[in-house]
Amino acid sequence: MSVAPVEVDRPDTDRLSETVVETDRPWITLVWNDPVNLMTYVTFVFQEYFGYSREKATRLMMQVHEEGRAVVATGSREEMERDVTALHGYGLWATLQQDT
């Protein structure tokens, strides 16, 4: 009885590693400037929801105001989805995206 070699298809490791790296990137929550909410309210929300200090909350609010947006949180997609939903509940315009 002879045993013939078996051909095995191996995954393209370069492509596989790119996929793994792609999914390992963290997600971010962005808050966007809007014409409705007062700056003091946005600062309050950042303190209330995220537990940020007044200084950090004010700094992020000013970034939203002056640059049009600010990254307010980083983490897993599920965590950022939760944050975006909560911020919408406060009336803020927030989105999530995978970090670049």
Protein backbone atom coordinates (compact mmCIF):
# COMPACT_ATOMS: atom_id res chain seq x y z
CA MET A 1 0.00 0.00 0.00
CA SER A 2 1.48 3.32 -1.03
CA VAL A 3 0.53 6.64 0.43
CA ALA A 4 0.29 9.44 -2.08
CA PRO A 5 1.02 12.97 -0.91
CA VAL A 6 -2.07 15.03 -0.21
CA GLU A 7 -2.41 18.53 -1.53
CA VAL A 8 -3.64 20.98 1.08
CA ASP A 9 -4.86 24.48 0.33
CA ARG A 10 -3.25 26.80 2.80
CA PRO A 11 -4.78 30.19 3.57
CA ASP A 12 -3.01 33.22 2.19
CA THR A 13 -1.28 34.28 5.41
CA ASP A 14 -0.59 37.81 4.16
CA ARG A 15 -4.27 38.41 3.47
CA LEU A 16 -5.27 36.73 6.73
CA SER A 17 -2.95 38.92 8.79
CA GLU A 18 -4.34 42.05 7.12
CA THR A 19 -7.84 40.96 8.10
CA VAL A 20 -6.80 40.40 11.72
CA VAL A 21 -5.08 43.78 11.90
CA GLU A 22 -8.16 45.44 10.40
CA THR A 23 -10.46 44.05 13.10
CA ASP A 24 -8.02 44.83 15.92
CA ARG A 25 -8.20 48.58 15.35
CA PRO A 26 -10.20 50.32 18.09
CA TRP A 27 -13.42 52.21 17.47
CA ILE A 28 -13.99 55.84 18.38
CA THR A 29 -17.00 57.91 19.36
CA LEU A 30 -17.15 61.33 17.73
CA VAL A 31 -19.30 64.22 18.91
CA TRP A 32 -20.11 66.78 16.24
CA ASN A 33 -20.86 70.47 16.57
CA ASP A 34 -24.51 71.42 16.27
CA PRO A 35 -26.41 74.70 16.37
CA VAL A 36 -28.77 73.54 19.12
CA ASN A 37 -26.88 72.59 22.29
CA LEU A 38 -25.22 75.13 24.54
CA MET A 39 -21.52 74.71 25.27
CA THR A 40 -22.26 74.44 28.99
CA TYR A 41 -24.71 71.61 28.31
CA VAL A 42 -22.18 69.69 26.19
CA THR A 43 -19.61 70.07 28.97
CA PHE A 44 -22.20 68.82 31.48
CA VAL A 45 -22.97 65.75 29.34
CA PHE A 46 -19.28 64.83 29.06
CA GLN A 47 -18.93 65.09 32.83
CA GLU A 48 -22.19 63.30 33.59
CA TYR A 49 -21.93 60.41 31.11
CA PHE A 50 -18.18 59.80 30.84
CA GLY A 51 -17.22 61.02 34.32
CA TYR A 52 -14.63 63.40 32.85
CA SER A 53 -13.21 66.17 34.97
CA ARG A 54 -14.53 69.67 34.31
CA GLU A 55 -11.22 70.56 32.63
CA LYS A 56 -11.26 67.57 30.26
CA ALA A 57 -14.96 68.00 29.47
CA THR A 58 -14.40 71.71 28.72
CA ARG A 59 -11.39 70.93 26.53
CA LEU A 60 -13.39 68.38 24.50
CA MET A 61 -16.37 70.75 24.22
CA MET A 62 -14.07 73.50 22.90
CA GLN A 63 -12.63 71.09 20.34
CA VAL A 64 -16.17 70.26 19.19
CA HIS A 65 -17.00 73.97 19.03
CA GLU A 66 -13.83 75.11 17.24
CA GLU A 67 -12.97 72.11 15.05
CA GLY A 68 -16.47 70.79 14.44
CA ARG A 69 -15.91 67.46 16.17
CA ALA A 70 -13.97 65.67 18.88
CA VAL A 71 -13.13 62.08 19.74
CA VAL A 72 -14.67 61.58 23.16
CA ALA A 73 -14.14 57.83 23.69
CA THR A 74 -12.19 54.86 22.32
CA GLY A 75 -12.90 51.15 22.71
CA SER A 76 -14.68 48.17 21.23
CA ARG A 77 -17.43 48.61 18.69
CA GLU A 78 -20.05 47.52 21.21
CA GLU A 79 -18.87 50.08 23.77
CA MET A 80 -18.86 52.87 21.18
CA GLU A 81 -22.35 51.90 19.97
CA ARG A 82 -23.53 52.16 23.58
CA ASP A 83 -21.89 55.59 23.96
CA VAL A 84 -23.39 56.90 20.71
CA THR A 85 -26.86 55.73 21.76
CA ALA A 86 -26.46 57.37 25.18
CA LEU A 87 -25.23 60.65 23.65
CA HIS A 88 -28.21 60.66 21.28
CA GLY A 89 -30.38 60.32 24.40
CA TYR A 90 -28.79 63.55 25.66
CA GLY A 91 -29.59 65.21 22.33
CA LEU A 92 -26.01 65.34 21.02
CA TRP A 93 -24.98 64.49 17.49
CA ALA A 94 -22.60 61.53 17.84
CA THR A 95 -21.26 58.87 15.50
CA LEU A 96 -18.81 55.99 15.69
CA GLN A 97 -16.14 54.80 13.31
CA GLN A 98 -13.14 52.55 13.31
CA ASP A 99 -10.01 54.48 14.24
CA THR A 100 -7.60 55.22 11.41
